[in-house]
């Protein structure tokens, strides 16, 4: 999965150099998936994809994944809350299902409430 960050530049703003757990670098991002069993090096939430940059993620669906909810969201400290509330989250479809997914009907519903 390629994440191509087309958000605007990280404009200097109060708090952009702020400590952890505060808003900063609002347009830098990354990707975190839920529902797949992944090694930490594949689901690296410390990667920062700055505006204009891209990063390729590779996932292998482990048979233990089963029937869990498959969804993604941005997870970069300092921007994840802003991006999640702005709609940067969703479901995903496994295009080449392993044995664990054969025969499943495809239904995808993503809902957010603020």
Protein backbone atom coordinates (compact mmCIF):
# COMPACT_ATOMS: atom_id res chain seq x y z
CA UNK A 1 0.00 0.00 0.00
CA UNK A 2 1.48 3.33 -1.04
CA UNK A 3 0.80 6.38 1.12
CA UNK A 4 1.39 9.48 -1.01
CA UNK A 5 1.10 12.54 1.25
CA UNK A 6 -0.56 15.28 -0.81
CA UNK A 7 -1.47 17.44 2.17
CA UNK A 8 -0.28 21.03 2.24
CA UNK A 9 2.98 22.07 3.87
CA UNK A 10 3.47 22.03 7.62
CA UNK A 11 3.19 25.78 8.08
CA UNK A 12 4.97 27.18 11.09
CA UNK A 13 2.42 27.61 13.84
CA UNK A 14 2.38 27.85 17.62
CA UNK A 15 2.96 24.38 19.01
CA UNK A 16 4.74 22.98 15.93
CA UNK A 17 7.80 22.32 18.09
CA UNK A 18 5.70 21.47 21.12
CA UNK A 19 6.25 18.45 23.36
CA UNK A 20 4.58 15.09 22.84
CA UNK A 21 0.80 14.82 23.26
CA UNK A 22 0.21 18.25 21.67
CA UNK A 23 -0.70 19.20 18.09
CA UNK A 24 2.26 19.78 15.79
CA UNK A 25 3.24 18.93 12.19
CA UNK A 26 -0.44 18.59 11.33
CA UNK A 27 0.16 17.59 7.69
CA UNK A 28 2.80 14.93 8.30
CA UNK A 29 1.23 11.50 8.53
CA UNK A 30 1.66 7.74 8.53
CA UNK A 31 -0.54 4.65 8.54
CA UNK A 32 -1.66 2.22 11.23
CA UNK A 33 -3.83 -0.81 10.51
CA UNK A 34 -6.19 -2.62 12.85
CA UNK A 35 -7.25 -6.21 12.43
CA UNK A 36 -4.07 -7.65 10.93
CA UNK A 37 -1.40 -9.42 12.93
CA UNK A 38 1.74 -7.54 11.89
CA UNK A 39 5.30 -7.32 13.09
CA UNK A 40 6.25 -3.91 14.52
CA UNK A 41 8.63 -3.23 11.61
CA UNK A 42 5.73 -3.55 9.12
CA UNK A 43 3.26 -1.45 11.10
CA UNK A 44 5.74 1.21 12.16
CA UNK A 45 3.84 4.09 13.79
CA UNK A 46 7.04 6.11 14.18
CA UNK A 47 7.49 6.72 10.44
CA UNK A 48 6.73 10.34 9.50
CA UNK A 49 5.57 10.89 5.92
CA UNK A 50 6.00 14.61 5.37
CA UNK A 51 3.95 16.58 2.81
CA UNK A 52 5.15 15.75 -0.71
CA UNK A 53 6.73 12.44 0.39
CA UNK A 54 5.48 8.87 0.10
CA UNK A 55 6.04 5.56 1.85
CA UNK A 56 5.24 2.01 0.75
CA UNK A 57 3.77 -0.33 3.35
CA UNK A 58 3.74 -4.09 2.76
CA UNK A 59 1.44 -6.35 4.71
CA UNK A 60 1.03 -10.09 4.73
CA UNK A 61 -2.35 -11.26 5.97
CA UNK A 62 -1.74 -13.90 8.61
CA UNK A 63 -4.35 -16.71 8.84
CA UNK A 64 -4.88 -15.76 12.52
CA UNK A 65 -6.49 -12.53 11.34
CA UNK A 66 -9.83 -14.33 11.12
CA UNK A 67 -12.95 -12.20 11.05
CA UNK A 68 -11.62 -9.10 12.77
CA UNK A 69 -12.48 -5.56 11.70
CA UNK A 70 -10.08 -4.30 9.06
CA UNK A 71 -9.56 -0.54 9.22
CA UNK A 72 -6.77 2.03 9.06
CA UNK A 73 -6.00 5.51 10.35
CA UNK A 74 -3.15 7.99 10.63
CA UNK A 75 -1.06 7.40 13.75
CA UNK A 76 1.68 10.05 13.85
CA UNK A 77 2.12 11.60 17.29
CA UNK A 78 1.00 15.23 17.13
CA UNK A 79 -1.23 14.91 14.05
CA UNK A 80 -3.24 11.67 14.40
CA UNK A 81 -6.16 13.21 16.31
CA UNK A 82 -6.53 16.09 13.83
CA UNK A 83 -6.32 13.74 10.86
CA UNK A 84 -8.66 11.10 12.30
CA UNK A 85 -11.30 13.70 13.12
CA UNK A 86 -10.78 15.15 9.65
CA UNK A 87 -11.74 11.84 8.05
CA UNK A 88 -8.35 10.17 7.46
CA UNK A 89 -9.55 6.70 8.37
CA UNK A 90 -11.39 3.94 6.59
CA UNK A 91 -11.83 0.29 5.88
CA UNK A 92 -9.76 -1.75 3.50
CA UNK A 93 -10.28 -4.76 1.29
CA UNK A 94 -7.85 -7.66 0.97
CA UNK A 95 -7.39 -8.03 -2.80
CA UNK A 96 -5.68 -11.43 -2.83
CA UNK A 97 -7.30 -13.32 0.03
CA UNK A 98 -5.46 -16.07 1.77
CA UNK A 99 -7.30 -19.24 2.79
CA UNK A 100 -8.72 -17.48 5.87
CA UNK A 101 -10.79 -15.15 3.63
CA UNK A 102 -11.92 -17.44 0.79
CA UNK A 103 -15.64 -17.37 0.23
CA UNK A 104 -16.31 -14.18 2.20
CA UNK A 105 -18.78 -11.71 0.74
CA UNK A 106 -17.38 -8.19 0.49
CA UNK A 107 -19.22 -5.62 2.63
CA UNK A 108 -17.61 -2.37 3.68
CA UNK A 109 -19.17 0.33 5.84
CA UNK A 110 -17.21 3.13 7.43
CA UNK A 111 -18.99 5.56 9.77
CA UNK A 112 -17.61 8.33 11.93
CA UNK A 113 -19.32 10.46 14.54
CA UNK A 114 -17.93 13.61 16.10
